[in-house]
Amino acid sequence: MQSYSTSFLTDSYLKYIGWTLHDKHREVRLKCLKALKGLYSNRDLTARLELFTSRFKDRMVSMVMDREYDVAVEAVRLLILILKQVLPESCLLFLSSLTLHILSSTLHLKVFCEL
């Protein structure tokens, strides 16, 4: 996707990645988060993910409380990466919803110890 970003970083392709965030299989959700980390780690591509981020941010944030520990850890890592890359005004709402989810989740506080 990074190599052919002009073709694949469009809404018509990215929606499928977003949908896999809701998959019932742990491995699929985990692979999706790792793929997204690869995309968000490239500053040149981050701007092209703005619509995807706004559409799927609630799901990415809620994945911090995923029933599978490794998925929750990967979700936290992705969100931290996004916050580092995309810190303009649009992230203020993103940050506040992330903070609420993290503070309300006592079960997943140990996730932060591994970061």
N, C-alpha and C. Protein backbone atom coordinates (compact mmCIF):
# COMPACT_ATOMS: atom_id res chain seq x y z
N MET A 1 0.82 -1.19 0.00
CA MET A 1 0.00 0.00 0.00
C MET A 1 0.86 1.25 0.00
N GLN A 2 1.98 1.19 0.71
CA GLN A 2 2.86 2.36 0.74
C GLN A 2 3.50 2.60 -0.61
N SER A 3 3.87 1.54 -1.28
CA SER A 3 4.54 1.67 -2.58
C SER A 3 3.62 2.26 -3.64
N TYR A 4 2.35 1.91 -3.59
CA TYR A 4 1.38 2.41 -4.57
C TYR A 4 0.30 3.23 -3.87
N SER A 5 0.75 4.16 -3.05
CA SER A 5 -0.17 4.93 -2.22
C SER A 5 -1.18 5.73 -3.04
N THR A 6 -0.80 6.18 -4.21
CA THR A 6 -1.73 6.94 -5.05
C THR A 6 -2.96 6.11 -5.39
N SER A 7 -2.76 4.85 -5.63
CA SER A 7 -3.87 3.97 -5.99
C SER A 7 -4.64 3.45 -4.78
N PHE A 8 -3.91 3.08 -3.73
CA PHE A 8 -4.54 2.36 -2.64
C PHE A 8 -4.98 3.22 -1.45
N LEU A 9 -4.45 4.41 -1.30
CA LEU A 9 -4.87 5.24 -0.18
C LEU A 9 -6.04 6.12 -0.58
N THR A 10 -7.06 5.48 -1.04
CA THR A 10 -8.31 6.16 -1.40
C THR A 10 -9.42 5.56 -0.56
N ASP A 11 -10.52 6.30 -0.45
CA ASP A 11 -11.63 5.82 0.36
C ASP A 11 -12.15 4.46 -0.10
N SER A 12 -12.12 4.23 -1.41
CA SER A 12 -12.66 2.97 -1.93
C SER A 12 -11.85 1.75 -1.47
N TYR A 13 -10.57 1.93 -1.15
CA TYR A 13 -9.75 0.83 -0.64
C TYR A 13 -9.64 0.86 0.89
N LEU A 14 -9.49 2.04 1.44
CA LEU A 14 -9.28 2.14 2.88
C LEU A 14 -10.48 1.68 3.70
N LYS A 15 -11.68 1.77 3.14
CA LYS A 15 -12.86 1.35 3.90
C LYS A 15 -12.77 -0.13 4.28
N TYR A 16 -12.15 -0.93 3.42
CA TYR A 16 -12.03 -2.36 3.73
C TYR A 16 -11.09 -2.59 4.92
N ILE A 17 -10.07 -1.79 5.00
CA ILE A 17 -9.17 -1.89 6.16
C ILE A 17 -9.93 -1.48 7.42
N GLY A 18 -10.69 -0.42 7.31
CA GLY A 18 -11.50 0.01 8.45
C GLY A 18 -12.48 -1.05 8.90
N TRP A 19 -13.07 -1.74 7.97
CA TRP A 19 -14.03 -2.79 8.32
C TRP A 19 -13.35 -3.94 9.04
N THR A 20 -12.10 -4.22 8.72
CA THR A 20 -11.42 -5.33 9.40
C THR A 20 -11.12 -5.01 10.86
N LEU A 21 -11.22 -3.75 11.24
CA LEU A 21 -11.07 -3.40 12.66
C LEU A 21 -12.20 -4.03 13.49
N HIS A 22 -13.29 -4.37 12.84
CA HIS A 22 -14.46 -4.96 13.51
C HIS A 22 -14.52 -6.48 13.37
N ASP A 23 -13.52 -7.08 12.77
CA ASP A 23 -13.56 -8.52 12.50
C ASP A 23 -13.63 -9.32 13.80
N LYS A 24 -14.30 -10.46 13.76
CA LYS A 24 -14.43 -11.27 14.98
C LYS A 24 -13.17 -12.06 15.30
N HIS A 25 -12.28 -12.21 14.34
CA HIS A 25 -11.04 -12.96 14.57
C HIS A 25 -9.92 -12.03 15.04
N ARG A 26 -9.31 -12.42 16.13
CA ARG A 26 -8.24 -11.65 16.74
C ARG A 26 -7.10 -11.38 15.77
N GLU A 27 -6.71 -12.38 15.00
CA GLU A 27 -5.58 -12.25 14.08
C GLU A 27 -5.83 -11.19 13.02
N VAL A 28 -7.06 -11.10 12.56
CA VAL A 28 -7.41 -10.12 11.53
C VAL A 28 -7.31 -8.71 12.10
N ARG A 29 -7.87 -8.51 13.31
CA ARG A 29 -7.80 -7.19 13.94
C ARG A 29 -6.34 -6.79 14.20
N LEU A 30 -5.55 -7.75 14.64
CA LEU A 30 -4.14 -7.49 14.94
C LEU A 30 -3.37 -7.12 13.67
N LYS A 31 -3.57 -7.87 12.60
CA LYS A 31 -2.89 -7.56 11.32
C LYS A 31 -3.31 -6.19 10.80
N CYS A 32 -4.57 -5.87 10.96
CA CYS A 32 -5.06 -4.57 10.51
C CYS A 32 -4.37 -3.44 11.27
N LEU A 33 -4.28 -3.56 12.58
CA LEU A 33 -3.61 -2.53 13.38
C LEU A 33 -2.15 -2.39 12.99
N LYS A 34 -1.49 -3.50 12.74
CA LYS A 34 -0.08 -3.44 12.34
C LYS A 34 0.07 -2.80 10.96
N ALA A 35 -0.84 -3.09 10.06
CA ALA A 35 -0.80 -2.46 8.73
C ALA A 35 -1.02 -0.96 8.86
N LEU A 36 -1.94 -0.57 9.71
CA LEU A 36 -2.19 0.86 9.91
C LEU A 36 -0.99 1.55 10.54
N LYS A 37 -0.29 0.87 11.44
CA LYS A 37 0.93 1.45 12.01
C LYS A 37 1.94 1.74 10.91
N GLY A 38 2.06 0.84 9.96
CA GLY A 38 2.97 1.07 8.84
C GLY A 38 2.59 2.29 8.03
N LEU A 39 1.31 2.49 7.83
CA LEU A 39 0.85 3.65 7.06
C LEU A 39 1.03 4.95 7.84
N TYR A 40 0.63 4.93 9.11
CA TYR A 40 0.71 6.15 9.92
C TYR A 40 2.15 6.52 10.28
N SER A 41 3.07 5.59 10.17
CA SER A 41 4.46 5.92 10.49
C SER A 41 5.13 6.74 9.39
N ASN A 42 4.52 6.81 8.23
CA ASN A 42 5.04 7.58 7.11
C ASN A 42 4.36 8.95 7.07
N ARG A 43 5.10 10.00 7.41
CA ARG A 43 4.52 11.35 7.47
C ARG A 43 3.90 11.79 6.15
N ASP A 44 4.46 11.35 5.04
CA ASP A 44 3.92 11.73 3.74
C ASP A 44 2.53 11.14 3.50
N LEU A 45 2.26 10.00 4.09
CA LEU A 45 0.98 9.34 3.89
C LEU A 45 -0.08 9.76 4.90
N THR A 46 0.34 10.29 6.03
CA THR A 46 -0.58 10.61 7.11
C THR A 46 -1.67 11.58 6.67
N ALA A 47 -1.32 12.58 5.89
CA ALA A 47 -2.32 13.56 5.45
C ALA A 47 -3.39 12.90 4.59
N ARG A 48 -3.03 11.88 3.85
CA ARG A 48 -3.99 11.20 2.99
C ARG A 48 -4.91 10.26 3.77
N LEU A 49 -4.60 10.06 5.04
CA LEU A 49 -5.41 9.19 5.89
C LEU A 49 -6.38 9.98 6.76
N GLU A 50 -6.48 11.27 6.52
CA GLU A 50 -7.30 12.13 7.39
C GLU A 50 -8.77 11.68 7.43
N LEU A 51 -9.36 11.42 6.28
CA LEU A 51 -10.75 10.98 6.25
C LEU A 51 -10.92 9.61 6.91
N PHE A 52 -9.99 8.71 6.64
CA PHE A 52 -10.02 7.39 7.28
C PHE A 52 -9.96 7.55 8.80
N THR A 53 -9.05 8.41 9.26
CA THR A 53 -8.90 8.64 10.70
C THR A 53 -10.19 9.15 11.30
N SER A 54 -10.81 10.12 10.65
CA SER A 54 -12.04 10.67 11.22
C SER A 54 -13.18 9.65 11.21
N ARG A 55 -13.21 8.79 10.22
CA ARG A 55 -14.28 7.78 10.14
C ARG A 55 -14.10 6.65 11.15
N PHE A 56 -12.88 6.23 11.37
CA PHE A 56 -12.64 5.03 12.17
C PHE A 56 -11.97 5.32 13.51
N LYS A 57 -11.84 6.58 13.88
CA LYS A 57 -11.15 6.89 15.14
C LYS A 57 -11.86 6.31 16.35
N ASP A 58 -13.19 6.34 16.36
CA ASP A 58 -13.91 5.79 17.50
C ASP A 58 -13.62 4.30 17.67
N ARG A 59 -13.57 3.58 16.58
CA ARG A 59 -13.27 2.15 16.66
C ARG A 59 -11.84 1.92 17.11
N MET A 60 -10.90 2.70 16.58
CA MET A 60 -9.50 2.53 16.99
C MET A 60 -9.35 2.81 18.48
N VAL A 61 -10.04 3.83 18.97
CA VAL A 61 -9.97 4.16 20.39
C VAL A 61 -10.61 3.05 21.22
N SER A 62 -11.75 2.53 20.80
CA SER A 62 -12.41 1.48 21.58
C SER A 62 -11.60 0.19 21.62
N MET A 63 -10.73 -0.01 20.65
CA MET A 63 -9.92 -1.23 20.61
C MET A 63 -8.88 -1.27 21.73
N VAL A 64 -8.68 -0.16 22.41
CA VAL A 64 -7.81 -0.15 23.59
C VAL A 64 -8.37 -1.10 24.64
N MET A 65 -9.67 -1.33 24.61
CA MET A 65 -10.31 -2.22 25.58
C MET A 65 -10.70 -3.55 24.94
N ASP A 66 -10.02 -3.94 23.88
CA ASP A 66 -10.31 -5.21 23.20
C ASP A 66 -10.14 -6.37 24.17
N ARG A 67 -10.95 -7.39 24.00
CA ARG A 67 -10.87 -8.55 24.91
C ARG A 67 -9.56 -9.32 24.76
N GLU A 68 -8.90 -9.15 23.64
CA GLU A 68 -7.60 -9.80 23.41
C GLU A 68 -6.49 -8.82 23.77
N TYR A 69 -5.66 -9.23 24.71
CA TYR A 69 -4.63 -8.36 25.24
C TYR A 69 -3.69 -7.82 24.16
N ASP A 70 -3.21 -8.67 23.25
CA ASP A 70 -2.26 -8.22 22.24
C ASP A 70 -2.89 -7.23 21.26
N VAL A 71 -4.17 -7.37 21.00
CA VAL A 71 -4.87 -6.41 20.14
C VAL A 71 -4.97 -5.06 20.86
N ALA A 72 -5.29 -5.09 22.15
CA ALA A 72 -5.39 -3.86 22.92
C ALA A 72 -4.04 -3.13 22.97
N VAL A 73 -2.97 -3.87 23.16
CA VAL A 73 -1.63 -3.27 23.20
C VAL A 73 -1.30 -2.63 21.85
N GLU A 74 -1.60 -3.33 20.78
CA GLU A 74 -1.32 -2.80 19.43
C GLU A 74 -2.17 -1.57 19.14
N ALA A 75 -3.40 -1.55 19.65
CA ALA A 75 -4.27 -0.38 19.47
C ALA A 75 -3.69 0.83 20.18
N VAL A 76 -3.18 0.64 21.38
CA VAL A 76 -2.56 1.74 22.11
C VAL A 76 -1.34 2.26 21.34
N ARG A 77 -0.55 1.36 20.85
CA ARG A 77 0.64 1.77 20.08
C ARG A 77 0.26 2.53 18.82
N LEU A 78 -0.78 2.09 18.14
CA LEU A 78 -1.25 2.80 16.95
C LEU A 78 -1.74 4.20 17.32
N LEU A 79 -2.51 4.31 18.38
CA LEU A 79 -3.05 5.61 18.77
C LEU A 79 -1.94 6.58 19.17
N ILE A 80 -0.94 6.08 19.85
CA ILE A 80 0.20 6.93 20.21
C ILE A 80 0.91 7.41 18.94
N LEU A 81 1.09 6.53 17.99
CA LEU A 81 1.71 6.90 16.72
C LEU A 81 0.88 7.95 15.99
N ILE A 82 -0.42 7.76 15.96
CA ILE A 82 -1.30 8.74 15.30
C ILE A 82 -1.19 10.09 15.97
N LEU A 83 -1.19 10.09 17.28
CA LEU A 83 -1.09 11.36 18.00
C LEU A 83 0.23 12.06 17.74
N LYS A 84 1.28 11.30 17.58
CA LYS A 84 2.57 11.91 17.27
C LYS A 84 2.59 12.49 15.86
N GLN A 85 1.90 11.84 14.94
CA GLN A 85 1.90 12.27 13.54
C GLN A 85 0.91 13.39 13.24
N VAL A 86 -0.25 13.32 13.86
CA VAL A 86 -1.37 14.18 13.49
C VAL A 86 -1.79 15.02 14.68
N LEU A 87 -0.99 15.94 15.10
CA LEU A 87 -1.32 16.67 16.31
C LEU A 87 -1.91 18.06 16.08
N PRO A 88 -2.54 18.35 14.95
CA PRO A 88 -3.21 19.63 14.81
C PRO A 88 -4.55 19.63 15.55
N GLU A 89 -5.37 20.63 15.29
CA GLU A 89 -6.63 20.82 16.00
C GLU A 89 -7.56 19.61 15.94
N SER A 90 -7.56 18.89 14.84
CA SER A 90 -8.46 17.74 14.72
C SER A 90 -8.16 16.67 15.76
N CYS A 91 -6.94 16.67 16.27
CA CYS A 91 -6.56 15.65 17.25
C CYS A 91 -7.01 15.98 18.66
N LEU A 92 -7.42 17.20 18.90
CA LEU A 92 -7.86 17.53 20.25
C LEU A 92 -9.06 16.67 20.65
N LEU A 93 -10.03 16.50 19.77
CA LEU A 93 -11.17 15.64 20.06
C LEU A 93 -10.74 14.18 20.15
N PHE A 94 -9.85 13.80 19.26
CA PHE A 94 -9.32 12.43 19.26
C PHE A 94 -8.62 12.15 20.59
N LEU A 95 -7.80 13.09 21.04
CA LEU A 95 -7.07 12.93 22.29
C LEU A 95 -8.01 12.85 23.47
N SER A 96 -9.04 13.69 23.49
CA SER A 96 -9.96 13.66 24.62
C SER A 96 -10.73 12.35 24.69
N SER A 97 -11.16 11.81 23.55
CA SER A 97 -11.87 10.53 23.59
C SER A 97 -10.92 9.39 23.95
N LEU A 98 -9.68 9.47 23.50
CA LEU A 98 -8.69 8.46 23.88
C LEU A 98 -8.46 8.50 25.39
N THR A 99 -8.31 9.68 25.94
CA THR A 99 -8.07 9.83 27.37
C THR A 99 -9.22 9.24 28.18
N LEU A 100 -10.45 9.52 27.77
CA LEU A 100 -11.61 8.97 28.49
C LEU A 100 -11.61 7.45 28.48
N HIS A 101 -11.32 6.86 27.35
CA HIS A 101 -11.30 5.40 27.27
C HIS A 101 -10.18 4.81 28.13
N ILE A 102 -9.04 5.43 28.11
CA ILE A 102 -7.91 4.90 28.87
C ILE A 102 -8.16 5.02 30.37
N LEU A 103 -8.65 6.18 30.79
CA LEU A 103 -8.89 6.38 32.21
C LEU A 103 -10.02 5.51 32.74
N SER A 104 -10.99 5.22 31.91
CA SER A 104 -12.12 4.40 32.36
C SER A 104 -11.81 2.91 32.35
N SER A 105 -10.69 2.54 31.81
CA SER A 105 -10.37 1.12 31.68
C SER A 105 -9.30 0.71 32.68
N THR A 106 -9.71 0.18 33.79
CA THR A 106 -8.73 -0.29 34.76
C THR A 106 -8.17 -1.66 34.38
N LEU A 107 -8.89 -2.39 33.57
CA LEU A 107 -8.41 -3.71 33.17
C LEU A 107 -7.20 -3.65 32.27
N HIS A 108 -7.09 -2.58 31.50
CA HIS A 108 -6.02 -2.50 30.52
C HIS A 108 -4.90 -1.52 30.91
N LEU A 109 -4.87 -1.12 32.16
CA LEU A 109 -3.81 -0.20 32.57
C LEU A 109 -2.43 -0.84 32.45
N LYS A 110 -2.36 -2.13 32.59
CA LYS A 110 -1.06 -2.81 32.47
C LYS A 110 -0.50 -2.72 31.06
N VAL A 111 -1.32 -2.37 30.10
CA VAL A 111 -0.86 -2.20 28.72
C VAL A 111 0.24 -1.15 28.66
N PHE A 112 0.08 -0.08 29.42
CA PHE A 112 1.02 1.02 29.36
C PHE A 112 2.38 0.67 29.96
N CYS A 113 2.41 -0.32 30.81
CA CYS A 113 3.69 -0.73 31.39
C CYS A 113 4.61 -1.35 30.36
N GLU A 114 4.04 -1.87 29.29
CA GLU A 114 4.85 -2.52 28.26
C GLU A 114 5.36 -1.55 27.21
N LEU A 115 4.87 -0.33 27.19
CA LEU A 115 5.25 0.61 26.13
C LEU A 115 6.60 1.20 26.34
